[in-house]
Amino acid sequence: MSVKVTFLNDEELIIHDDTYISAWKSEDANDSNEYAYYAIGVPAGAREEGTALNSPYPVASLQGLFGSVDWFSLVRSPNKIYKTSAILSLTTI
């Protein structure tokens, strides 16, 4: 089952069962980190790999993931990253 992600600017992405998702939470500087700002990777993966996204309800899985992270990409080594607050809707297709 696939899910369409619609953004506020009308851009759309289709996430299939074999789509690999990378995700990150943004963090502020702290005393133990030399960088002022950084992102922490969050385990995601692909539904077909049996990851935490492997649920009979793909929209609910993605809703939970996107609600708990700040950024995501649809590949393991991203050159384009999406801001989750720009998501307008998730639709099963």
N, C-alpha and C. Protein backbone atom coordinates (compact mmCIF):
# COMPACT_ATOMS: atom_id res chain seq x y z
N MET A 1 0.84 -1.17 0.00
CA MET A 1 0.00 0.00 0.00
C MET A 1 0.89 1.24 0.00
N SER A 2 0.56 2.23 -0.77
CA SER A 2 1.35 3.45 -0.88
C SER A 2 0.66 4.61 -0.19
N VAL A 3 1.48 5.61 0.16
CA VAL A 3 0.96 6.81 0.83
C VAL A 3 1.46 8.03 0.07
N LYS A 4 0.54 8.95 -0.21
CA LYS A 4 0.90 10.21 -0.85
C LYS A 4 1.08 11.26 0.24
N VAL A 5 2.24 11.93 0.21
CA VAL A 5 2.53 13.03 1.12
C VAL A 5 2.34 14.31 0.33
N THR A 6 1.44 15.17 0.81
CA THR A 6 1.20 16.46 0.16
C THR A 6 1.73 17.56 1.07
N PHE A 7 2.52 18.45 0.47
CA PHE A 7 3.12 19.55 1.22
C PHE A 7 2.30 20.83 1.03
N LEU A 8 2.55 21.82 1.87
CA LEU A 8 1.83 23.09 1.81
C LEU A 8 2.00 23.80 0.47
N ASN A 9 3.11 23.56 -0.23
CA ASN A 9 3.35 24.21 -1.52
C ASN A 9 2.81 23.37 -2.68
N ASP A 10 1.99 22.37 -2.41
CA ASP A 10 1.36 21.47 -3.38
C ASP A 10 2.32 20.42 -3.97
N GLU A 11 3.56 20.39 -3.52
CA GLU A 11 4.47 19.31 -3.94
C GLU A 11 3.96 18.01 -3.34
N GLU A 12 4.14 16.92 -4.07
CA GLU A 12 3.69 15.61 -3.59
C GLU A 12 4.81 14.59 -3.71
N LEU A 13 4.86 13.67 -2.76
CA LEU A 13 5.76 12.53 -2.78
C LEU A 13 4.91 11.28 -2.61
N ILE A 14 5.33 10.19 -3.23
CA ILE A 14 4.67 8.91 -3.02
C ILE A 14 5.64 8.00 -2.27
N ILE A 15 5.18 7.45 -1.17
CA ILE A 15 5.99 6.53 -0.38
C ILE A 15 5.40 5.13 -0.55
N HIS A 16 6.20 4.23 -1.10
CA HIS A 16 5.80 2.84 -1.32
C HIS A 16 6.37 1.97 -0.19
N ASP A 17 5.97 0.71 -0.15
CA ASP A 17 6.46 -0.19 0.90
C ASP A 17 7.97 -0.35 0.87
N ASP A 18 8.60 -0.21 -0.31
CA ASP A 18 10.04 -0.38 -0.41
C ASP A 18 10.81 0.94 -0.36
N THR A 19 10.13 2.05 -0.10
CA THR A 19 10.78 3.36 -0.01
C THR A 19 11.53 3.46 1.32
N TYR A 20 12.81 3.72 1.25
CA TYR A 20 13.61 3.87 2.46
C TYR A 20 13.49 5.31 2.96
N ILE A 21 13.20 5.47 4.24
CA ILE A 21 13.05 6.80 4.83
C ILE A 21 14.15 7.02 5.86
N SER A 22 14.86 8.13 5.71
CA SER A 22 15.80 8.60 6.72
C SER A 22 15.12 9.76 7.44
N ALA A 23 15.35 9.89 8.75
CA ALA A 23 14.68 10.94 9.51
C ALA A 23 15.61 11.48 10.60
N TRP A 24 15.41 12.75 10.96
CA TRP A 24 16.26 13.41 11.95
C TRP A 24 15.45 14.33 12.85
N LYS A 25 15.92 14.44 14.10
CA LYS A 25 15.42 15.44 15.03
C LYS A 25 16.47 16.53 15.13
N SER A 26 16.05 17.78 15.08
CA SER A 26 16.98 18.90 15.25
C SER A 26 17.27 19.08 16.73
N GLU A 27 18.51 19.41 17.04
CA GLU A 27 18.93 19.61 18.42
C GLU A 27 19.69 20.91 18.54
N ASP A 28 19.61 21.53 19.71
CA ASP A 28 20.38 22.73 20.00
C ASP A 28 21.70 22.34 20.64
N ALA A 29 22.59 23.29 20.69
CA ALA A 29 23.91 23.07 21.29
C ALA A 29 23.77 22.72 22.77
N ASN A 30 24.72 21.92 23.23
CA ASN A 30 24.82 21.65 24.67
C ASN A 30 26.30 21.58 25.02
N ASP A 31 26.61 21.50 26.28
CA ASP A 31 28.00 21.54 26.72
C ASP A 31 28.83 20.36 26.25
N SER A 32 28.20 19.24 25.97
CA SER A 32 28.94 18.05 25.58
C SER A 32 29.15 17.93 24.08
N ASN A 33 28.64 18.88 23.31
CA ASN A 33 28.76 18.81 21.85
C ASN A 33 29.48 20.03 21.34
N GLU A 34 30.46 19.84 20.46
CA GLU A 34 31.24 20.95 19.94
C GLU A 34 30.51 21.75 18.87
N TYR A 35 29.43 21.22 18.32
CA TYR A 35 28.69 21.91 17.27
C TYR A 35 27.54 22.71 17.87
N ALA A 36 27.29 23.87 17.28
CA ALA A 36 26.23 24.73 17.81
C ALA A 36 24.85 24.12 17.58
N TYR A 37 24.62 23.57 16.38
CA TYR A 37 23.34 22.95 16.06
C TYR A 37 23.62 21.68 15.28
N TYR A 38 22.77 20.70 15.44
CA TYR A 38 22.99 19.43 14.75
C TYR A 38 21.70 18.65 14.70
N ALA A 39 21.70 17.54 14.01
CA ALA A 39 20.52 16.69 13.91
C ALA A 39 20.90 15.26 14.32
N ILE A 40 19.98 14.61 14.99
CA ILE A 40 20.18 13.23 15.43
C ILE A 40 19.32 12.32 14.56
N GLY A 41 19.94 11.31 13.96
CA GLY A 41 19.21 10.36 13.14
C GLY A 41 18.25 9.52 13.95
N VAL A 42 17.10 9.26 13.39
CA VAL A 42 16.07 8.45 14.04
C VAL A 42 15.85 7.21 13.18
N PRO A 43 15.85 6.01 13.77
CA PRO A 43 15.63 4.81 12.95
C PRO A 43 14.28 4.86 12.24
N ALA A 44 14.31 4.63 10.95
CA ALA A 44 13.06 4.59 10.18
C ALA A 44 13.12 3.38 9.25
N GLY A 45 13.75 3.51 8.09
CA GLY A 45 13.87 2.38 7.17
C GLY A 45 12.72 2.31 6.19
N ALA A 46 12.40 1.08 5.78
CA ALA A 46 11.31 0.85 4.83
C ALA A 46 10.35 -0.18 5.41
N ARG A 47 9.07 -0.06 5.08
CA ARG A 47 8.07 -0.99 5.61
C ARG A 47 8.40 -2.43 5.27
N GLU A 48 8.87 -2.68 4.06
CA GLU A 48 9.13 -4.06 3.64
C GLU A 48 10.32 -4.68 4.39
N GLU A 49 11.15 -3.84 5.04
CA GLU A 49 12.30 -4.35 5.80
C GLU A 49 11.90 -4.81 7.20
N GLY A 50 10.64 -4.62 7.58
CA GLY A 50 10.19 -5.03 8.90
C GLY A 50 10.59 -4.05 9.99
N THR A 51 10.78 -2.78 9.63
CA THR A 51 11.16 -1.76 10.61
C THR A 51 9.94 -1.32 11.41
N ALA A 52 10.14 -0.30 12.23
CA ALA A 52 9.04 0.23 13.04
C ALA A 52 7.90 0.76 12.18
N LEU A 53 8.17 1.02 10.90
CA LEU A 53 7.12 1.50 9.99
C LEU A 53 6.25 0.37 9.46
N ASN A 54 6.63 -0.86 9.75
CA ASN A 54 5.89 -2.03 9.24
C ASN A 54 4.65 -2.25 10.09
N SER A 55 3.57 -1.65 9.68
CA SER A 55 2.29 -1.70 10.39
C SER A 55 1.20 -1.94 9.36
N PRO A 56 0.08 -2.53 9.75
CA PRO A 56 -1.01 -2.68 8.78
C PRO A 56 -1.64 -1.33 8.40
N TYR A 57 -1.24 -0.27 9.08
CA TYR A 57 -1.79 1.06 8.83
C TYR A 57 -0.65 2.02 8.46
N PRO A 58 -0.24 2.05 7.19
CA PRO A 58 0.93 2.85 6.81
C PRO A 58 0.78 4.34 7.08
N VAL A 59 -0.41 4.89 6.95
CA VAL A 59 -0.59 6.32 7.24
C VAL A 59 -0.34 6.58 8.72
N ALA A 60 -0.82 5.71 9.58
CA ALA A 60 -0.61 5.89 11.02
C ALA A 60 0.87 5.79 11.37
N SER A 61 1.58 4.87 10.74
CA SER A 61 3.03 4.74 10.99
C SER A 61 3.76 6.01 10.58
N LEU A 62 3.44 6.51 9.39
CA LEU A 62 4.09 7.73 8.92
C LEU A 62 3.66 8.94 9.74
N GLN A 63 2.42 8.98 10.16
CA GLN A 63 1.94 10.07 11.01
C GLN A 63 2.76 10.11 12.30
N GLY A 64 2.98 8.95 12.90
CA GLY A 64 3.78 8.89 14.12
C GLY A 64 5.22 9.31 13.89
N LEU A 65 5.82 8.82 12.79
CA LEU A 65 7.20 9.20 12.48
C LEU A 65 7.31 10.69 12.22
N PHE A 66 6.50 11.21 11.30
CA PHE A 66 6.60 12.62 10.93
C PHE A 66 6.21 13.55 12.08
N GLY A 67 5.39 13.08 12.99
CA GLY A 67 5.03 13.89 14.16
C GLY A 67 6.13 13.95 15.20
N SER A 68 7.12 13.07 15.11
CA SER A 68 8.17 13.03 16.13
C SER A 68 9.54 13.45 15.62
N VAL A 69 9.66 13.76 14.33
CA VAL A 69 10.94 14.21 13.78
C VAL A 69 10.75 15.56 13.08
N ASP A 70 11.87 16.21 12.77
CA ASP A 70 11.82 17.53 12.15
C ASP A 70 12.10 17.49 10.65
N TRP A 71 12.88 16.52 10.21
CA TRP A 71 13.33 16.43 8.82
C TRP A 71 13.28 14.99 8.35
N PHE A 72 13.08 14.77 7.04
CA PHE A 72 13.15 13.42 6.50
C PHE A 72 13.59 13.46 5.04
N SER A 73 14.04 12.30 4.58
CA SER A 73 14.43 12.12 3.19
C SER A 73 13.99 10.73 2.76
N LEU A 74 13.87 10.51 1.46
CA LEU A 74 13.43 9.21 0.96
C LEU A 74 14.56 8.34 0.45
N VAL A 75 15.77 8.63 0.86
CA VAL A 75 16.93 7.82 0.48
C VAL A 75 17.89 7.72 1.66
N ARG A 76 18.80 6.75 1.60
CA ARG A 76 19.77 6.56 2.68
C ARG A 76 20.79 7.70 2.75
N SER A 77 21.23 8.20 1.63
CA SER A 77 22.21 9.30 1.57
C SER A 77 21.56 10.47 0.85
N PRO A 78 20.88 11.32 1.57
CA PRO A 78 20.04 12.35 0.94
C PRO A 78 20.81 13.52 0.35
N ASN A 79 20.30 14.02 -0.76
CA ASN A 79 20.74 15.31 -1.27
C ASN A 79 19.56 16.30 -1.21
N LYS A 80 18.38 15.82 -0.83
CA LYS A 80 17.22 16.67 -0.60
C LYS A 80 16.53 16.18 0.67
N ILE A 81 16.29 17.12 1.57
CA ILE A 81 15.68 16.80 2.86
C ILE A 81 14.42 17.66 3.01
N TYR A 82 13.35 17.06 3.51
CA TYR A 82 12.07 17.74 3.65
C TYR A 82 11.79 18.08 5.11
N LYS A 83 11.22 19.24 5.36
CA LYS A 83 10.82 19.67 6.70
C LYS A 83 9.43 19.11 6.99
N THR A 84 9.29 18.38 8.09
CA THR A 84 8.01 17.74 8.38
C THR A 84 6.89 18.74 8.68
N SER A 85 7.24 19.93 9.16
CA SER A 85 6.19 20.92 9.45
C SER A 85 5.56 21.46 8.17
N ALA A 86 6.14 21.14 7.01
CA ALA A 86 5.58 21.58 5.73
C ALA A 86 4.58 20.58 5.16
N ILE A 87 4.34 19.48 5.87
CA ILE A 87 3.39 18.47 5.39
C ILE A 87 1.96 18.94 5.66
N LEU A 88 1.14 18.87 4.62
CA LEU A 88 -0.28 19.23 4.74
C LEU A 88 -1.12 17.98 5.01
N SER A 89 -0.83 16.87 4.29
CA SER A 89 -1.66 15.68 4.47
C SER A 89 -0.93 14.42 4.06
N LEU A 90 -1.43 13.29 4.57
CA LEU A 90 -1.01 11.94 4.20
C LEU A 90 -2.25 11.21 3.71
N THR A 91 -2.15 10.57 2.54
CA THR A 91 -3.30 9.91 1.95
C THR A 91 -2.93 8.52 1.48
N THR A 92 -3.69 7.50 1.88
CA THR A 92 -3.48 6.16 1.36
C THR A 92 -3.94 6.12 -0.09
N ILE A 93 -3.09 5.56 -0.95
CA ILE A 93 -3.46 5.46 -2.37
C ILE A 93 -3.29 4.02 -2.85
